[in-house]
Amino acid sequence: MSHSWKKIGRLLEISNQKDWAVSHSAVPFAEHVSDDIFKVYFTTRDAWNRSHTAYALMDITRPSKTLNIGENPVLAPGRLGTFDDSGAMGCWLTTAGENTYLYYQGWNLGVTVPFRNSIGVAVRRDTGQFERLFEGPILDRTAREPHFTATPCVLEENGRWNMWYLSCVGWELEAGKPKHRYHIKHASSSNGLDWDRSGHISIDFKNDSEYAISRPSVTKAGDAWKMWYSFRGYRYRIGYAESDNGIDWERMDDHAGINVAETGWDSDMIEYPFVFHHGGATYMLYNGNDYGRTGIGLAILE
């Protein structure tokens, strides 16, 4: 199915708003609050380049007017020596029963390679604040996935949980610097915490020049599954795939319906999509140039 997205404009650009929000508003995702008000979550960086998950309130009928940025980060880097002590990047919210889970990507600085990522989870308590369920990750490297995992998307339906996540298949030296290679795999669970990782690849590389496929955003209507995601060879672009079971996917990138602009903040790259529905319309949040440094965009499906 072909799509056509109309870009509404840029919502937010971080530039020294707070000591923990110096730059970037990467990997956006939204949560409905009431009426036309949404929390738009994103990952920002402090002066030491550590990642914090934050949010801003937005009226979707007036998206150019951001209401306010949260006073404190939703999730800050973890304790020294834990898997997320260099950063905690929020990726996805999943509500099941009375609990809302925040799945996030934690990372450590590396020595032989620049970083190592893993997937953690926090839950919203009665206080309204998200708290880590564990100090360790729920998806880390294993005997069969020896490098790293990241950018989870998690859907729950009738007690069955599906996760699509980035899985690194290796590093190689290019011009003397480590370069990663990763695609998207699928995992399943009965509780959202303990995951069966079969190694099944949902979105694979389409050619040798492609080396980064990340940030899946999956929607389901009836038996139709749709996924938007980022893929990169020379520069990030947004791709699209369809499935009839959520596990096996057909890439249809030409049908994604959105691309870079001719000029401006999203003219060099476009990435990290998040697709959601409200008021009978379908919206997409996304990032532009420099991996979220230039802000968050909003588009509506025509």
Protein backbone atom coordinates (compact mmCIF):
# COMPACT_ATOMS: atom_id res chain seq x y z
CA MET A 1 0.00 0.00 0.00
CA SER A 2 1.40 3.38 -1.00
CA HIS A 3 1.30 6.29 1.43
CA SER A 4 1.63 10.04 1.18
CA TRP A 5 2.62 12.06 4.23
CA LYS A 6 2.15 15.84 4.45
CA LYS A 7 4.79 17.49 6.59
CA ILE A 8 3.20 19.88 9.09
CA GLY A 9 6.41 21.33 10.45
CA ARG A 10 9.07 21.18 13.12
CA LEU A 11 7.84 20.87 16.70
CA LEU A 12 10.89 21.23 18.85
CA GLU A 13 14.60 21.88 18.73
CA ILE A 14 16.72 21.53 21.86
CA SER A 15 19.39 24.16 22.45
CA ASN A 16 20.53 24.57 26.05
CA GLN A 17 17.02 24.56 27.52
CA LYS A 18 18.29 22.78 30.65
CA ASP A 19 21.60 21.51 32.00
CA TRP A 20 20.53 17.98 31.05
CA ALA A 21 19.00 19.17 27.73
CA VAL A 22 21.82 20.84 25.84
CA SER A 23 21.23 19.35 22.39
CA HIS A 24 19.21 16.78 20.40
CA SER A 25 15.60 15.60 20.57
CA ALA A 26 16.05 12.14 19.08
CA VAL A 27 13.79 9.06 18.72
CA PRO A 28 10.44 10.78 19.42
CA PHE A 29 7.27 8.95 20.47
CA ALA A 30 3.89 10.17 21.71
CA GLU A 31 1.43 9.45 24.50
CA HIS A 32 -2.13 10.79 24.50
CA VAL A 33 -2.92 12.84 27.63
CA SER A 34 -6.40 14.32 27.04
CA ASP A 35 -8.40 15.92 24.25
CA ASP A 36 -5.76 17.04 21.68
CA ILE A 37 -2.87 17.15 24.16
CA PHE A 38 0.02 14.70 23.82
CA LYS A 39 3.27 14.11 25.62
CA VAL A 40 6.01 13.90 23.01
CA TYR A 41 8.92 11.96 24.47
CA PHE A 42 12.43 12.29 23.08
CA THR A 43 16.07 11.75 23.99
CA THR A 44 18.27 14.72 24.70
CA ARG A 45 21.95 15.08 25.63
CA ASP A 46 23.77 16.96 28.36
CA ALA A 47 27.13 18.72 28.09
CA TRP A 48 28.92 15.37 28.57
CA ASN A 49 26.91 13.77 25.72
CA ARG A 50 24.93 11.54 28.11
CA SER A 51 21.40 10.65 27.00
CA HIS A 52 18.29 11.56 29.03
CA THR A 53 14.68 10.73 28.17
CA ALA A 54 12.46 13.83 28.38
CA TYR A 55 9.08 15.04 27.17
CA ALA A 56 7.27 18.15 25.96
CA LEU A 57 3.52 18.76 25.95
CA MET A 58 1.96 19.46 22.56
CA ASP A 59 -1.50 20.39 21.29
CA ILE A 60 -1.74 18.42 18.06
CA THR A 61 -4.11 21.05 16.62
CA ARG A 62 -1.41 23.69 17.19
CA PRO A 63 1.77 21.66 16.77
CA SER A 64 4.02 24.68 16.20
CA LYS A 65 3.29 25.82 19.77
CA THR A 66 5.02 23.54 22.27
CA LEU A 67 3.34 24.00 25.65
CA ASN A 68 6.29 23.19 27.89
CA ILE A 69 9.19 20.82 28.49
CA GLY A 70 9.07 18.62 31.57
CA GLU A 71 10.93 20.08 34.54
CA ASN A 72 12.96 16.90 35.07
CA PRO A 73 14.00 14.05 32.79
CA VAL A 74 11.70 11.04 32.61
CA LEU A 75 14.72 8.75 32.76
CA ALA A 76 18.32 9.76 33.50
CA PRO A 77 21.52 7.72 33.08
CA GLY A 78 21.85 4.79 35.48
CA ARG A 79 24.25 4.20 38.33
CA LEU A 80 27.96 3.95 37.67
CA GLY A 81 28.84 0.60 36.17
CA THR A 82 25.31 -0.35 35.10
CA PHE A 83 24.35 -0.97 31.47
CA ASP A 84 22.86 2.52 31.06
CA ASP A 85 25.33 4.72 32.94
CA SER A 86 26.22 6.61 29.73
CA GLY A 87 22.63 7.18 28.66
CA ALA A 88 18.98 6.11 28.74
CA MET A 89 17.15 6.60 25.44
CA GLY A 90 13.38 6.09 25.63
CA CYS A 91 11.95 4.19 22.66
CA TRP A 92 8.43 2.90 23.26
CA LEU A 93 5.46 2.95 25.67
CA THR A 94 3.23 -0.11 26.12
CA THR A 95 0.19 -0.16 28.40
CA ALA A 96 -1.05 -3.53 29.63
CA GLY A 97 -3.65 -3.66 32.39
CA GLU A 98 -2.84 -1.01 34.99
CA ASN A 99 0.83 -0.76 34.04
CA THR A 100 2.55 1.41 31.46
CA TYR A 101 6.01 0.19 30.51
CA LEU A 102 8.73 2.39 29.08
CA TYR A 103 11.12 0.33 26.96
CA TYR A 104 14.41 2.08 26.50
CA GLN A 105 17.91 1.72 25.13
CA GLY A 106 20.73 1.97 27.63
CA TRP A 107 24.34 2.37 26.62
CA ASN A 108 27.90 2.35 27.87
CA LEU A 109 30.95 3.97 26.38
CA GLY A 110 33.34 1.47 24.82
CA VAL A 111 37.08 1.15 24.30
CA THR A 112 37.62 -1.00 21.22
CA VAL A 113 34.26 0.18 19.82
CA PRO A 114 32.52 3.49 20.65
CA PHE A 115 29.55 2.07 22.57
CA ARG A 116 27.55 -0.96 23.62
CA ASN A 117 23.74 -0.85 23.77
CA SER A 118 21.18 -2.98 25.63
CA ILE A 119 17.42 -2.79 26.23
CA GLY A 120 15.90 -1.97 29.61
CA VAL A 121 12.42 -1.32 30.97
CA ALA A 122 10.81 1.07 33.45
CA VAL A 123 7.23 1.16 34.77
CA ARG A 124 4.99 4.06 35.76
CA ARG A 125 3.97 3.88 39.40
CA ASP A 126 1.19 5.60 41.36
CA THR A 127 3.38 8.69 41.63
CA GLY A 128 3.15 9.14 37.88
CA GLN A 129 6.91 8.74 37.56
CA PHE A 130 8.72 6.03 35.62
CA GLU A 131 11.01 3.82 37.70
CA ARG A 132 13.39 1.16 36.44
CA LEU A 133 12.12 -2.35 37.05
CA PHE A 134 15.69 -3.66 37.03
CA GLU A 135 19.14 -2.14 37.08
CA GLY A 136 20.14 -4.63 34.41
CA PRO A 137 18.87 -5.03 30.84
CA ILE A 138 16.06 -7.31 29.70
CA LEU A 139 17.68 -7.79 26.26
CA ASP A 140 21.45 -7.87 26.14
CA ARG A 141 24.06 -9.56 23.99
CA THR A 142 23.98 -13.34 24.09
CA ALA A 143 25.83 -16.35 22.71
CA ARG A 144 23.90 -15.96 19.43
CA GLU A 145 23.73 -12.16 19.39
CA PRO A 146 27.21 -11.19 20.60
CA HIS A 147 27.24 -7.43 19.90
CA PHE A 148 24.29 -5.29 21.02
CA THR A 149 20.51 -4.72 20.94
CA ALA A 150 18.61 -1.41 20.79
CA THR A 151 15.52 0.66 19.74
CA PRO A 152 12.68 -1.69 20.77
CA CYS A 153 9.07 -1.44 19.60
CA VAL A 154 6.67 -3.47 21.78
CA LEU A 155 2.98 -4.31 21.19
CA GLU A 156 0.77 -6.40 23.48
CA GLU A 157 -2.45 -8.09 22.38
CA ASN A 158 -4.45 -10.65 24.38
CA GLY A 159 -1.47 -11.60 26.52
CA ARG A 160 0.95 -12.01 23.61
CA TRP A 161 3.81 -9.56 23.45
CA ASN A 162 5.79 -8.83 20.32
CA MET A 163 9.04 -6.91 20.15
CA TRP A 164 10.91 -5.71 17.10
CA TYR A 165 14.40 -4.54 17.91
CA LEU A 166 17.72 -3.59 16.42
CA SER A 167 20.29 -6.40 16.50
CA CYS A 168 23.93 -5.70 15.68
CA VAL A 169 25.52 -8.40 13.54
CA GLY A 170 29.09 -7.10 13.75
CA TRP A 171 31.69 -4.36 13.63
CA GLU A 172 34.38 -3.80 11.04
CA LEU A 173 37.12 -1.23 10.63
CA GLU A 174 36.59 1.39 7.93
CA ALA A 175 39.35 3.98 7.47
CA GLY A 176 40.68 2.83 10.83
CA LYS A 177 37.40 3.44 12.68
CA PRO A 178 34.85 0.83 13.90
CA LYS A 179 31.64 0.71 11.87
CA HIS A 180 28.60 -1.23 13.05
CA ARG A 181 26.11 -3.24 11.01
CA TYR A 182 22.61 -3.96 12.32
CA HIS A 183 19.13 -4.99 11.21
CA ILE A 184 15.74 -5.67 12.87
CA LYS A 185 14.78 -8.93 14.60
CA HIS A 186 11.64 -10.20 16.34
CA ALA A 187 11.13 -11.55 19.86
CA SER A 188 8.02 -12.72 21.75
CA SER A 189 6.96 -12.84 25.39
CA SER A 190 4.09 -13.79 27.69
CA ASN A 191 4.74 -10.99 30.20
CA GLY A 192 6.73 -8.24 28.45
CA LEU A 193 9.79 -8.89 30.59
CA ASP A 194 11.12 -12.34 29.68
CA TRP A 195 11.71 -12.63 25.95
CA ASP A 196 12.05 -15.58 23.59
CA ARG A 197 14.61 -14.60 20.97
CA SER A 198 14.43 -17.01 18.07
CA GLY A 199 16.82 -14.96 15.95
CA HIS A 200 14.14 -14.39 13.33
CA ILE A 201 15.02 -11.45 11.08
CA SER A 202 12.10 -9.14 10.33
CA ILE A 203 13.86 -6.48 8.22
CA ASP A 204 17.14 -7.49 6.60
CA PHE A 205 19.72 -5.63 4.53
CA LYS A 206 18.72 -5.22 0.90
CA ASN A 207 22.28 -4.78 -0.40
CA ASP A 208 25.91 -4.66 0.73
CA SER A 209 25.98 -0.87 1.03
CA GLU A 210 23.18 -0.84 3.61
CA TYR A 211 24.50 -1.21 7.14
CA ALA A 212 22.00 0.29 9.62
CA ILE A 213 18.29 -0.55 9.99
CA SER A 214 16.74 0.75 13.20
CA ARG A 215 13.83 2.26 15.12
CA PRO A 216 10.88 0.09 14.02
CA SER A 217 7.41 1.59 14.51
CA VAL A 218 4.70 -1.04 14.10
CA THR A 219 0.93 -0.55 13.81
CA LYS A 220 -1.77 -3.23 13.51
CA ALA A 221 -5.32 -3.01 12.15
CA GLY A 222 -7.17 -6.32 11.94
CA ASP A 223 -4.74 -8.77 10.34
CA ALA A 224 -2.69 -6.05 8.63
CA TRP A 225 0.64 -5.17 10.16
CA LYS A 226 2.61 -2.12 9.00
CA MET A 227 6.09 -1.00 9.96
CA TRP A 228 8.00 2.20 9.37
CA TYR A 229 11.71 2.23 10.23
CA SER A 230 15.04 3.89 9.46
CA PHE A 231 17.57 2.49 7.04
CA ARG A 232 20.94 3.82 6.08
CA GLY A 233 23.51 3.42 3.38
CA TYR A 234 24.87 6.87 2.62
CA ARG A 235 22.29 8.75 4.73
CA TYR A 236 19.26 7.74 6.81
CA ARG A 237 15.89 7.44 5.09
CA ILE A 238 12.51 6.12 6.30
CA GLY A 239 11.44 2.71 5.01
CA TYR A 240 8.21 0.74 5.09
CA ALA A 241 7.16 -2.93 5.27
CA GLU A 242 3.98 -4.99 5.54
CA SER A 243 3.18 -8.34 7.17
CA ASP A 244 0.22 -10.62 7.73
CA ASN A 245 1.56 -12.11 10.97
CA GLY A 246 3.91 -9.50 12.46
CA ILE A 247 6.89 -11.80 12.08
CA ASP A 248 7.58 -12.16 8.35
CA TRP A 249 7.81 -8.82 6.56
CA GLU A 250 8.02 -7.60 2.98
CA ARG A 251 10.08 -4.46 2.46
CA MET A 252 8.26 -1.84 0.39
CA ASP A 253 10.43 1.22 0.94
CA ASP A 254 9.06 2.99 -2.13
CA HIS A 255 5.68 3.07 -0.34
CA ALA A 256 6.92 4.82 2.82
CA GLY A 257 5.51 8.10 1.52
CA ILE A 258 7.99 10.50 3.13
CA ASN A 259 11.47 11.70 2.20
CA VAL A 260 13.98 14.47 2.82
CA ALA A 261 13.12 18.07 2.01
CA GLU A 262 14.90 20.09 -0.67
CA THR A 263 16.34 22.45 1.94
CA GLY A 264 16.32 22.95 5.68
CA TRP A 265 16.48 20.97 8.87
CA ASP A 266 15.45 17.61 7.32
CA SER A 267 17.10 17.95 3.90
CA ASP A 268 20.13 15.72 4.55
CA MET A 269 18.53 12.82 6.37
CA ILE A 270 15.19 11.70 7.78
CA GLU A 271 14.90 8.96 10.40
CA TYR A 272 13.46 7.49 13.64
CA PRO A 273 9.73 7.46 12.69
CA PHE A 274 6.91 6.96 15.19
CA VAL A 275 3.41 6.46 13.74
CA PHE A 276 0.26 6.96 15.84
CA HIS A 277 -3.48 7.61 15.42
CA HIS A 278 -5.72 10.34 16.85
CA GLY A 279 -9.12 11.74 15.94
CA GLY A 280 -9.46 9.62 12.83
CA ALA A 281 -6.07 10.77 11.47
CA THR A 282 -2.65 9.12 11.33
CA TYR A 283 0.45 11.05 12.33
CA MET A 284 4.19 10.51 12.20
CA LEU A 285 6.88 11.98 14.41
CA TYR A 286 10.39 11.86 12.98
CA ASN A 287 13.88 13.37 13.16
CA GLY A 288 15.87 15.15 10.48
CA ASN A 289 19.52 16.06 9.99
CA ASP A 290 22.26 14.88 12.33
CA TYR A 291 20.38 12.16 14.22
CA GLY A 292 17.96 14.45 16.04
CA ARG A 293 20.14 17.48 16.63
CA THR A 294 17.91 19.65 14.41
CA GLY A 295 14.64 18.69 16.08
CA ILE A 296 11.38 16.75 15.72
CA GLY A 297 9.02 16.91 12.76
CA LEU A 298 5.32 16.07 12.53
CA ALA A 299 3.55 14.74 9.43
CA ILE A 300 -0.02 13.65 8.73
CA LEU A 301 -1.10 10.86 6.41
CA GLU A 302 -3.07 12.27 3.48
